Amino acid sequence: MADGDYERGRGREIGAIAAELKRLAAVREARPPVFVLNGWAASPHAWDLCQFTRTRLFSYVEQLDGEPEKAMESVPRCILVGWSMGGSSALRLVAHWPEKIAGLVLIAATPRMMEEKETGWRGMSPRRLEALRYGVMMTHGEGFFGVPEGKPNPYSVDSDENLARGLKYLLETDVRAGLERALGSGFAFPVHIFHSERDGIVQPENAVYLQNAFPQASVTMIPGTEHALSIFIPELIDEAVDSCIRLAAAGQDPA
């Protein structure tokens, strides 16, 4: 082979490699970060069985300190995965930045944790919330909720001060009005909702509200009473997050 032919072939090979690297960089650029918002008194081990790539996991204390809001301000768009109290935080972020949401995965989530007898809103009673606090503090969640053999404990313990701050958030937070105003602007993005059929912490009727708020959502009701669904259905959650990532990278709206 003549030197010129070799050089031309080598140049094409280098060009192809450069084009592929540019394509991969574009894919990475198009893929939004995935922010995971944990539940109250929850351990990061709650997500050990999930395989999806997360950019950052926000503890409930970080949520109380406004860290997710700081992260939202620094990105053009993102995917939110919220469980329990973290689901409420995710909905709060949606209400504030609907234009930045590329995908939303809600797990045992609600915009309003506590019951409202005057409106019939199905939530927790103050008595049950106190039982939740006592159970988490006395057993680190394991004895109160039960942890299946071979699975991580999704709960942890924290300072009394932080636990009390989290309980105050659960007692007072209601993001329904802000969420309804934001969604009235017509923003559409893929939404996946997972809820246990007999969840005693976040009533399953809350999933009906979320389905009405997000008509494009896929809703999966899981038989049983489990609240920490990330350790019971990690594969389904992985699929939901991956679906949001694919759609966002391709620049597609939900079907």
C-alpha atoms as a PDB file:
ATOM      1  CA  MET A   1       0.000   0.000   0.000  1.00  0.00           C
ATOM      2  CA  ALA A   2       1.309   3.416  -0.961  1.00  0.00           C
ATOM      3  CA  ASP A   3       2.033   5.856   1.799  1.00  0.00           C
ATOM      4  CA  GLY A   4      -0.708   8.173   0.523  1.00  0.00           C
ATOM      5  CA  ASP A   5      -3.344   5.437   0.633  1.00  0.00           C
ATOM      6  CA  TYR A   6      -2.311   4.535   4.163  1.00  0.00           C
ATOM      7  CA  GLU A   7      -2.495   8.131   5.321  1.00  0.00           C
ATOM      8  CA  ARG A   8      -5.924   8.616   3.735  1.00  0.00           C
ATOM      9  CA  GLY A   9      -7.207   5.424   5.354  1.00  0.00           C
ATOM     10  CA  ARG A  10      -5.770   6.426   8.670  1.00  0.00           C
ATOM     11  CA  GLY A  11      -7.346   9.851   8.332  1.00  0.00           C
ATOM     12  CA  ARG A  12     -10.783   8.329   7.663  1.00  0.00           C
ATOM     13  CA  GLU A  13     -10.392   6.073  10.704  1.00  0.00           C
ATOM     14  CA  ILE A  14      -9.462   9.000  12.927  1.00  0.00           C
ATOM     15  CA  GLY A  15     -12.344  11.014  11.489  1.00  0.00           C
ATOM     16  CA  ALA A  16     -14.800   8.214  12.240  1.00  0.00           C
ATOM     17  CA  ILE A  17     -13.542   7.955  15.819  1.00  0.00           C
ATOM     18  CA  ALA A  18     -13.837  11.715  16.260  1.00  0.00           C
ATOM     19  CA  ALA A  19     -17.398  11.667  14.882  1.00  0.00           C
ATOM     20  CA  GLU A  20     -18.375   8.876  17.268  1.00  0.00           C
ATOM     21  CA  LEU A  21     -16.879  10.717  20.234  1.00  0.00           C
ATOM     22  CA  LYS A  22     -18.796  13.818  19.199  1.00  0.00           C
ATOM     23  CA  ARG A  23     -22.003  11.783  18.949  1.00  0.00           C
ATOM     24  CA  LEU A  24     -21.490  10.270  22.393  1.00  0.00           C
ATOM     25  CA  ALA A  25     -20.800  13.712  23.838  1.00  0.00           C
ATOM     26  CA  ALA A  26     -24.042  14.976  22.309  1.00  0.00           C
ATOM     27  CA  VAL A  27     -25.932  12.060  23.867  1.00  0.00           C
ATOM     28  CA  ARG A  28     -24.440  12.834  27.268  1.00  0.00           C
ATOM     29  CA  GLU A  29     -25.323  16.496  26.826  1.00  0.00           C
ATOM     30  CA  ALA A  30     -28.913  15.618  25.931  1.00  0.00           C
ATOM     31  CA  ARG A  31     -29.299  13.309  28.926  1.00  0.00           C
ATOM     32  CA  PRO A  32     -30.630  15.354  31.853  1.00  0.00           C
ATOM     33  CA  PRO A  33     -29.449  14.751  35.422  1.00  0.00           C
ATOM     34  CA  VAL A  34     -31.509  12.468  37.637  1.00  0.00           C
ATOM     35  CA  PHE A  35     -32.277  13.882  41.073  1.00  0.00           C
ATOM     36  CA  VAL A  36     -33.585  11.458  43.695  1.00  0.00           C
ATOM     37  CA  LEU A  37     -35.477  12.833  46.686  1.00  0.00           C
ATOM     38  CA  ASN A  38     -35.567  10.474  49.660  1.00  0.00           C
ATOM     39  CA  GLY A  39     -38.306   9.982  52.224  1.00  0.00           C
ATOM     40  CA  TRP A  40     -38.497  11.263  55.785  1.00  0.00           C
ATOM     41  CA  ALA A  41     -36.109   9.421  58.120  1.00  0.00           C
ATOM     42  CA  ALA A  42     -35.028   7.385  55.105  1.00  0.00           C
ATOM     43  CA  SER A  43     -31.664   5.769  54.585  1.00  0.00           C
ATOM     44  CA  PRO A  44     -29.760   6.021  51.301  1.00  0.00           C
ATOM     45  CA  HIS A  45     -29.885   2.212  51.406  1.00  0.00           C
ATOM     46  CA  ALA A  46     -33.516   2.544  50.325  1.00  0.00           C
ATOM     47  CA  TRP A  47     -32.128   2.785  46.778  1.00  0.00           C
ATOM     48  CA  ASP A  48     -29.516   0.016  46.946  1.00  0.00           C
ATOM     49  CA  LEU A  49     -31.544  -2.374  44.791  1.00  0.00           C
ATOM     50  CA  CYS A  50     -32.255   0.181  42.058  1.00  0.00           C
ATOM     51  CA  GLN A  51     -29.778   0.175  39.190  1.00  0.00           C
ATOM     52  CA  PHE A  52     -30.635   3.433  37.424  1.00  0.00           C
ATOM     53  CA  THR A  53     -27.878   6.027  37.331  1.00  0.00           C
ATOM     54  CA  ARG A  54     -28.629   8.889  39.672  1.00  0.00           C
ATOM     55  CA  THR A  55     -26.874  12.228  39.597  1.00  0.00           C
ATOM     56  CA  ARG A  56     -27.619  13.084  43.202  1.00  0.00           C
ATOM     57  CA  LEU A  57     -29.598  11.671  46.122  1.00  0.00           C
ATOM     58  CA  PHE A  58     -31.086  14.322  48.403  1.00  0.00           C
ATOM     59  CA  SER A  59     -31.726  13.294  51.992  1.00  0.00           C
ATOM     60  CA  TYR A  60     -34.818  14.617  53.681  1.00  0.00           C
ATOM     61  CA  VAL A  61     -32.619  17.024  55.688  1.00  0.00           C
ATOM     62  CA  GLU A  62     -31.117  18.394  52.465  1.00  0.00           C
ATOM     63  CA  GLN A  63     -34.652  18.871  51.185  1.00  0.00           C
ATOM     64  CA  LEU A  64     -35.532  20.844  54.313  1.00  0.00           C
ATOM     65  CA  ASP A  65     -32.392  22.932  53.774  1.00  0.00           C
ATOM     66  CA  GLY A  66     -33.343  23.824  50.182  1.00  0.00           C
ATOM     67  CA  GLU A  67     -30.575  21.873  48.441  1.00  0.00           C
ATOM     68  CA  PRO A  68     -32.817  20.542  45.624  1.00  0.00           C
ATOM     69  CA  GLU A  69     -33.840  24.102  44.780  1.00  0.00           C
ATOM     70  CA  LYS A  70     -30.191  25.103  44.454  1.00  0.00           C
ATOM     71  CA  ALA A  71     -29.587  22.142  42.160  1.00  0.00           C
ATOM     72  CA  MET A  72     -32.612  23.020  40.030  1.00  0.00           C
ATOM     73  CA  GLU A  73     -31.347  26.551  39.519  1.00  0.00           C
ATOM     74  CA  SER A  74     -28.114  25.225  37.997  1.00  0.00           C
ATOM     75  CA  VAL A  75     -29.565  22.902  35.332  1.00  0.00           C
ATOM     76  CA  PRO A  76     -31.683  23.548  32.225  1.00  0.00           C
ATOM     77  CA  ARG A  77     -33.809  20.463  32.910  1.00  0.00           C
ATOM     78  CA  CYS A  78     -33.771  17.298  34.980  1.00  0.00           C
ATOM     79  CA  ILE A  79     -35.588  14.097  35.890  1.00  0.00           C
ATOM     80  CA  LEU A  80     -37.040  13.870  39.398  1.00  0.00           C
ATOM     81  CA  VAL A  81     -37.549  10.649  41.356  1.00  0.00           C
ATOM     82  CA  GLY A  82     -39.391  11.198  44.640  1.00  0.00           C
ATOM     83  CA  TRP A  83     -40.453   8.763  47.329  1.00  0.00           C
ATOM     84  CA  SER A  84     -42.893   9.629  50.145  1.00  0.00           C
ATOM     85  CA  MET A  85     -41.791  12.994  51.588  1.00  0.00           C
ATOM     86  CA  GLY A  86     -39.396  13.171  48.641  1.00  0.00           C
ATOM     87  CA  GLY A  87     -42.401  12.828  46.355  1.00  0.00           C
ATOM     88  CA  SER A  88     -43.908  15.891  47.991  1.00  0.00           C
ATOM     89  CA  SER A  89     -40.611  17.723  47.474  1.00  0.00           C
ATOM     90  CA  ALA A  90     -40.549  16.638  43.833  1.00  0.00           C
ATOM     91  CA  LEU A  91     -44.062  17.981  43.324  1.00  0.00           C
ATOM     92  CA  ARG A  92     -43.003  21.249  44.928  1.00  0.00           C
ATOM     93  CA  LEU A  93     -40.147  21.520  42.409  1.00  0.00           C
ATOM     94  CA  VAL A  94     -42.539  20.730  39.561  1.00  0.00           C
ATOM     95  CA  ALA A  95     -44.830  23.525  40.760  1.00  0.00           C
ATOM     96  CA  HIS A  96     -41.930  25.992  40.728  1.00  0.00           C
ATOM     97  CA  TRP A  97     -40.068  24.858  37.589  1.00  0.00           C
ATOM     98  CA  PRO A  98     -42.484  22.932  35.330  1.00  0.00           C
ATOM     99  CA  GLU A  99     -40.469  23.992  32.283  1.00  0.00           C
ATOM    100  CA  LYS A 100     -37.354  22.244  33.633  1.00  0.00           C
ATOM    101  CA  ILE A 101     -38.914  18.837  34.190  1.00  0.00           C
ATOM    102  CA  ALA A 102     -37.855  16.200  31.656  1.00  0.00           C
ATOM    103  CA  GLY A 103     -39.454  13.313  33.549  1.00  0.00           C
ATOM    104  CA  LEU A 104     -41.071  12.527  36.887  1.00  0.00           C
ATOM    105  CA  VAL A 105     -41.214   9.270  38.849  1.00  0.00           C
ATOM    106  CA  LEU A 106     -43.415   9.371  41.952  1.00  0.00           C
ATOM    107  CA  ILE A 107     -43.308   6.560  44.507  1.00  0.00           C
ATOM    108  CA  ALA A 108     -45.872   6.525  47.318  1.00  0.00           C
ATOM    109  CA  ALA A 109     -46.123  10.280  46.811  1.00  0.00           C
ATOM    110  CA  THR A 110     -48.675  12.871  47.792  1.00  0.00           C
ATOM    111  CA  PRO A 111     -49.014  16.655  47.585  1.00  0.00           C
ATOM    112  CA  ARG A 112     -50.618  16.716  51.040  1.00  0.00           C
ATOM    113  CA  MET A 113     -49.675  14.211  53.739  1.00  0.00           C
ATOM    114  CA  MET A 114     -52.295  14.998  56.368  1.00  0.00           C
ATOM    115  CA  GLU A 115     -56.009  14.348  56.272  1.00  0.00           C
ATOM    116  CA  GLU A 116     -58.583  17.100  55.769  1.00  0.00           C
ATOM    117  CA  LYS A 117     -61.886  16.055  57.246  1.00  0.00           C
ATOM    118  CA  GLU A 118     -63.646  19.162  55.939  1.00  0.00           C
ATOM    119  CA  THR A 119     -62.804  18.339  52.310  1.00  0.00           C
ATOM    120  CA  GLY A 120     -62.578  14.566  52.576  1.00  0.00           C
ATOM    121  CA  TRP A 121     -58.894  14.504  51.632  1.00  0.00           C
ATOM    122  CA  ARG A 122     -57.511  11.085  52.491  1.00  0.00           C
ATOM    123  CA  GLY A 123     -54.322  11.554  54.464  1.00  0.00           C
ATOM    124  CA  MET A 124     -52.747  10.583  57.759  1.00  0.00           C
ATOM    125  CA  SER A 125     -54.290  11.582  61.050  1.00  0.00           C
ATOM    126  CA  PRO A 126     -52.064  13.375  63.572  1.00  0.00           C
ATOM    127  CA  ARG A 127     -52.296  10.260  65.737  1.00  0.00           C
ATOM    128  CA  ARG A 128     -50.931   8.055  62.976  1.00  0.00           C
ATOM    129  CA  LEU A 129     -48.172  10.553  62.231  1.00  0.00           C
ATOM    130  CA  GLU A 130     -47.128  10.358  65.877  1.00  0.00           C
ATOM    131  CA  ALA A 131     -47.127   6.562  65.647  1.00  0.00           C
ATOM    132  CA  LEU A 132     -44.903   6.826  62.580  1.00  0.00           C
ATOM    133  CA  ARG A 133     -42.466   9.050  64.463  1.00  0.00           C
ATOM    134  CA  TYR A 134     -42.391   6.742  67.461  1.00  0.00           C
ATOM    135  CA  GLY A 135     -41.889   3.641  65.360  1.00  0.00           C
ATOM    136  CA  VAL A 136     -39.006   5.095  63.374  1.00  0.00           C
ATOM    137  CA  MET A 137     -37.254   6.441  66.463  1.00  0.00           C
ATOM    138  CA  MET A 138     -37.643   3.256  68.505  1.00  0.00           C
ATOM    139  CA  THR A 139     -36.698   0.721  65.841  1.00  0.00           C
ATOM    140  CA  HIS A 140     -34.944   2.698  63.086  1.00  0.00           C
ATOM    141  CA  GLY A 141     -37.857   1.631  60.918  1.00  0.00           C
ATOM    142  CA  GLU A 142     -36.933  -2.038  60.784  1.00  0.00           C
ATOM    143  CA  GLY A 143     -39.208  -3.286  63.519  1.00  0.00           C
ATOM    144  CA  PHE A 144     -42.012  -0.851  62.817  1.00  0.00           C
ATOM    145  CA  PHE A 145     -42.339  -1.514  59.095  1.00  0.00           C
ATOM    146  CA  GLY A 146     -40.547  -4.802  58.731  1.00  0.00           C
ATOM    147  CA  VAL A 147     -37.645  -5.364  56.357  1.00  0.00           C
ATOM    148  CA  PRO A 148     -37.830  -8.463  54.155  1.00  0.00           C
ATOM    149  CA  GLU A 149     -34.986 -10.912  54.499  1.00  0.00           C
ATOM    150  CA  GLY A 150     -32.150 -10.138  52.110  1.00  0.00           C
ATOM    151  CA  LYS A 151     -33.234  -6.553  51.477  1.00  0.00           C
ATOM    152  CA  PRO A 152     -31.670  -3.368  52.886  1.00  0.00           C
ATOM    153  CA  ASN A 153     -33.290  -1.340  55.644  1.00  0.00           C
ATOM    154  CA  PRO A 154     -34.830   1.679  53.882  1.00  0.00           C
ATOM    155  CA  TYR A 155     -34.990   3.654  57.117  1.00  0.00           C
ATOM    156  CA  SER A 156     -32.409   5.232  59.376  1.00  0.00           C
ATOM    157  CA  VAL A 157     -32.203   7.393  62.460  1.00  0.00           C
ATOM    158  CA  ASP A 158     -31.326  11.066  62.742  1.00  0.00           C
ATOM    159  CA  SER A 159     -31.125  13.756  65.384  1.00  0.00           C
ATOM    160  CA  ASP A 160     -34.312  14.585  67.251  1.00  0.00           C
ATOM    161  CA  GLU A 161     -34.108  18.099  65.841  1.00  0.00           C
ATOM    162  CA  ASN A 162     -34.030  16.947  62.206  1.00  0.00           C
ATOM    163  CA  LEU A 163     -36.759  14.374  62.736  1.00  0.00           C
ATOM    164  CA  ALA A 164     -38.941  17.086  64.253  1.00  0.00           C
ATOM    165  CA  ARG A 165     -38.220  19.396  61.299  1.00  0.00           C
ATOM    166  CA  GLY A 166     -39.266  16.658  58.915  1.00  0.00           C
ATOM    167  CA  LEU A 167     -42.463  15.969  60.832  1.00  0.00           C
ATOM    168  CA  LYS A 168     -43.315  19.673  60.746  1.00  0.00           C
ATOM    169  CA  TYR A 169     -42.885  19.595  56.965  1.00  0.00           C
ATOM    170  CA  LEU A 170     -45.176  16.584  56.687  1.00  0.00           C
ATOM    171  CA  LEU A 171     -47.740  18.188  58.961  1.00  0.00           C
ATOM    172  CA  GLU A 172     -47.873  21.549  57.194  1.00  0.00           C
ATOM    173  CA  THR A 173     -46.960  21.079  53.526  1.00  0.00           C
ATOM    174  CA  ASP A 174     -49.621  21.245  50.853  1.00  0.00           C
ATOM    175  CA  VAL A 175     -48.466  21.790  47.263  1.00  0.00           C
ATOM    176  CA  ARG A 176     -51.803  21.185  45.532  1.00  0.00           C
ATOM    177  CA  ALA A 177     -52.574  24.809  44.669  1.00  0.00           C
ATOM    178  CA  GLY A 178     -49.115  25.565  43.290  1.00  0.00           C
ATOM    179  CA  LEU A 179     -49.028  22.312  41.350  1.00  0.00           C
ATOM    180  CA  GLU A 180     -52.415  22.912  39.770  1.00  0.00           C
ATOM    181  CA  ARG A 181     -51.420  26.448  38.720  1.00  0.00           C
ATOM    182  CA  ALA A 182     -48.191  25.221  37.138  1.00  0.00           C
ATOM    183  CA  LEU A 183     -49.771  22.325  35.294  1.00  0.00           C
ATOM    184  CA  GLY A 184     -52.474  24.626  33.981  1.00  0.00           C
ATOM    185  CA  SER A 185     -49.766  26.207  31.832  1.00  0.00           C
ATOM    186  CA  GLY A 186     -49.727  23.124  29.621  1.00  0.00           C
ATOM    187  CA  PHE A 187     -46.312  21.617  30.313  1.00  0.00           C
ATOM    188  CA  ALA A 188     -46.094  17.926  29.376  1.00  0.00           C
ATOM    189  CA  PHE A 189     -43.433  15.426  30.379  1.00  0.00           C
ATOM    190  CA  PRO A 190     -43.408  11.681  31.070  1.00  0.00           C
ATOM    191  CA  VAL A 191     -44.748  10.731  34.499  1.00  0.00           C
ATOM    192  CA  HIS A 192     -44.707   7.346  36.234  1.00  0.00           C
ATOM    193  CA  ILE A 193     -46.659   6.779  39.452  1.00  0.00           C
ATOM    194  CA  PHE A 194     -46.147   3.785  41.756  1.00  0.00           C
ATOM    195  CA  HIS A 195     -48.317   3.184  44.795  1.00  0.00           C
ATOM    196  CA  SER A 196     -49.237   0.294  47.053  1.00  0.00           C
ATOM    197  CA  GLU A 197     -52.894  -0.653  47.023  1.00  0.00           C
ATOM    198  CA  ARG A 198     -53.096  -0.626  50.829  1.00  0.00           C
ATOM    199  CA  ASP A 199     -50.350   1.808  51.831  1.00  0.00           C
ATOM    200  CA  GLY A 200     -51.177   2.960  55.353  1.00  0.00           C
ATOM    201  CA  ILE A 201     -48.787   5.925  55.319  1.00  0.00           C
ATOM    202  CA  VAL A 202     -49.765   7.584  52.033  1.00  0.00           C
ATOM    203  CA  GLN A 203     -53.325   6.614  51.217  1.00  0.00           C
ATOM    204  CA  PRO A 204     -53.754   5.029  47.763  1.00  0.00           C
ATOM    205  CA  GLU A 205     -56.437   7.594  46.940  1.00  0.00           C
ATOM    206  CA  ASN A 206     -53.577  10.066  46.616  1.00  0.00           C
ATOM    207  CA  ALA A 207     -52.503   8.233  43.466  1.00  0.00           C
ATOM    208  CA  VAL A 208     -55.923   9.035  41.969  1.00  0.00           C
ATOM    209  CA  TYR A 209     -55.329  12.734  42.560  1.00  0.00           C
ATOM    210  CA  LEU A 210     -51.901  12.509  40.923  1.00  0.00           C
ATOM    211  CA  GLN A 211     -53.322  10.636  37.950  1.00  0.00           C
ATOM    212  CA  ASN A 212     -55.859  13.413  37.459  1.00  0.00           C
ATOM    213  CA  ALA A 213     -53.135  16.051  37.810  1.00  0.00           C
ATOM    214  CA  PHE A 214     -50.943  14.252  35.245  1.00  0.00           C
ATOM    215  CA  PRO A 215     -53.251  12.751  32.597  1.00  0.00           C
ATOM    216  CA  GLN A 216     -50.194  11.524  30.661  1.00  0.00           C
ATOM    217  CA  ALA A 217     -49.003   9.434  33.620  1.00  0.00           C
ATOM    218  CA  SER A 218     -48.656   5.688  33.759  1.00  0.00           C
ATOM    219  CA  VAL A 219     -49.963   4.428  37.112  1.00  0.00           C
ATOM    220  CA  THR A 220     -48.883   1.124  38.652  1.00  0.00           C
ATOM    221  CA  MET A 221     -50.704  -0.043  41.769  1.00  0.00           C
ATOM    222  CA  ILE A 222     -48.760  -2.657  43.720  1.00  0.00           C
ATOM    223  CA  PRO A 223     -50.640  -5.293  45.752  1.00  0.00           C
ATOM    224  CA  GLY A 224     -49.969  -5.101  49.485  1.00  0.00           C
ATOM    225  CA  THR A 225     -49.171  -2.457  52.067  1.00  0.00           C
ATOM    226  CA  GLU A 226     -45.502  -1.740  51.399  1.00  0.00           C
ATOM    227  CA  HIS A 227     -44.446   1.900  51.519  1.00  0.00           C
ATOM    228  CA  ALA A 228     -40.733   1.601  50.650  1.00  0.00           C
ATOM    229  CA  LEU A 229     -41.387   0.393  47.114  1.00  0.00           C
ATOM    230  CA  SER A 230     -37.826   0.993  45.958  1.00  0.00           C
ATOM    231  CA  ILE A 231     -36.810  -2.228  47.741  1.00  0.00           C
ATOM    232  CA  PHE A 232     -39.851  -4.177  46.526  1.00  0.00           C
ATOM    233  CA  ILE A 233     -40.097  -3.171  42.854  1.00  0.00           C
ATOM    234  CA  PRO A 234     -36.640  -1.807  41.935  1.00  0.00           C
ATOM    235  CA  GLU A 235     -36.815  -3.217  38.406  1.00  0.00           C
ATOM    236  CA  LEU A 236     -40.052  -1.349  37.640  1.00  0.00           C
ATOM    237  CA  ILE A 237     -38.598   1.880  38.987  1.00  0.00           C
ATOM    238  CA  ASP A 238     -35.447   1.351  36.903  1.00  0.00           C
ATOM    239  CA  GLU A 239     -37.564   0.905  33.790  1.00  0.00           C
ATOM    240  CA  ALA A 240     -39.526   4.075  34.523  1.00  0.00           C
ATOM    241  CA  VAL A 241     -36.419   6.198  35.035  1.00  0.00           C
ATOM    242  CA  ASP A 242     -34.711   4.737  31.966  1.00  0.00           C
ATOM    243  CA  SER A 243     -37.816   5.481  29.906  1.00  0.00           C
ATOM    244  CA  CYS A 244     -37.729   9.120  31.035  1.00  0.00           C
ATOM    245  CA  ILE A 245     -34.022   9.332  30.154  1.00  0.00           C
ATOM    246  CA  ARG A 246     -34.560   7.873  26.683  1.00  0.00           C
ATOM    247  CA  LEU A 247     -37.436  10.209  25.894  1.00  0.00           C
ATOM    248  CA  ALA A 248     -35.525  13.223  27.175  1.00  0.00           C
ATOM    249  CA  ALA A 249     -32.390  12.346  25.196  1.00  0.00           C
ATOM    250  CA  ALA A 250     -34.478  11.893  22.067  1.00  0.00           C
ATOM    251  CA  GLY A 251     -36.322  15.163  22.665  1.00  0.00           C
ATOM    252  CA  GLN A 252     -39.702  13.451  22.673  1.00  0.00           C
ATOM    253  CA  ASP A 253     -42.902  14.284  24.513  1.00  0.00           C
ATOM    254  CA  PRO A 254     -44.767  11.521  26.339  1.00  0.00           C
ATOM    255  CA  ALA A 255     -47.207   9.526  24.252  1.00  0.00           C
END
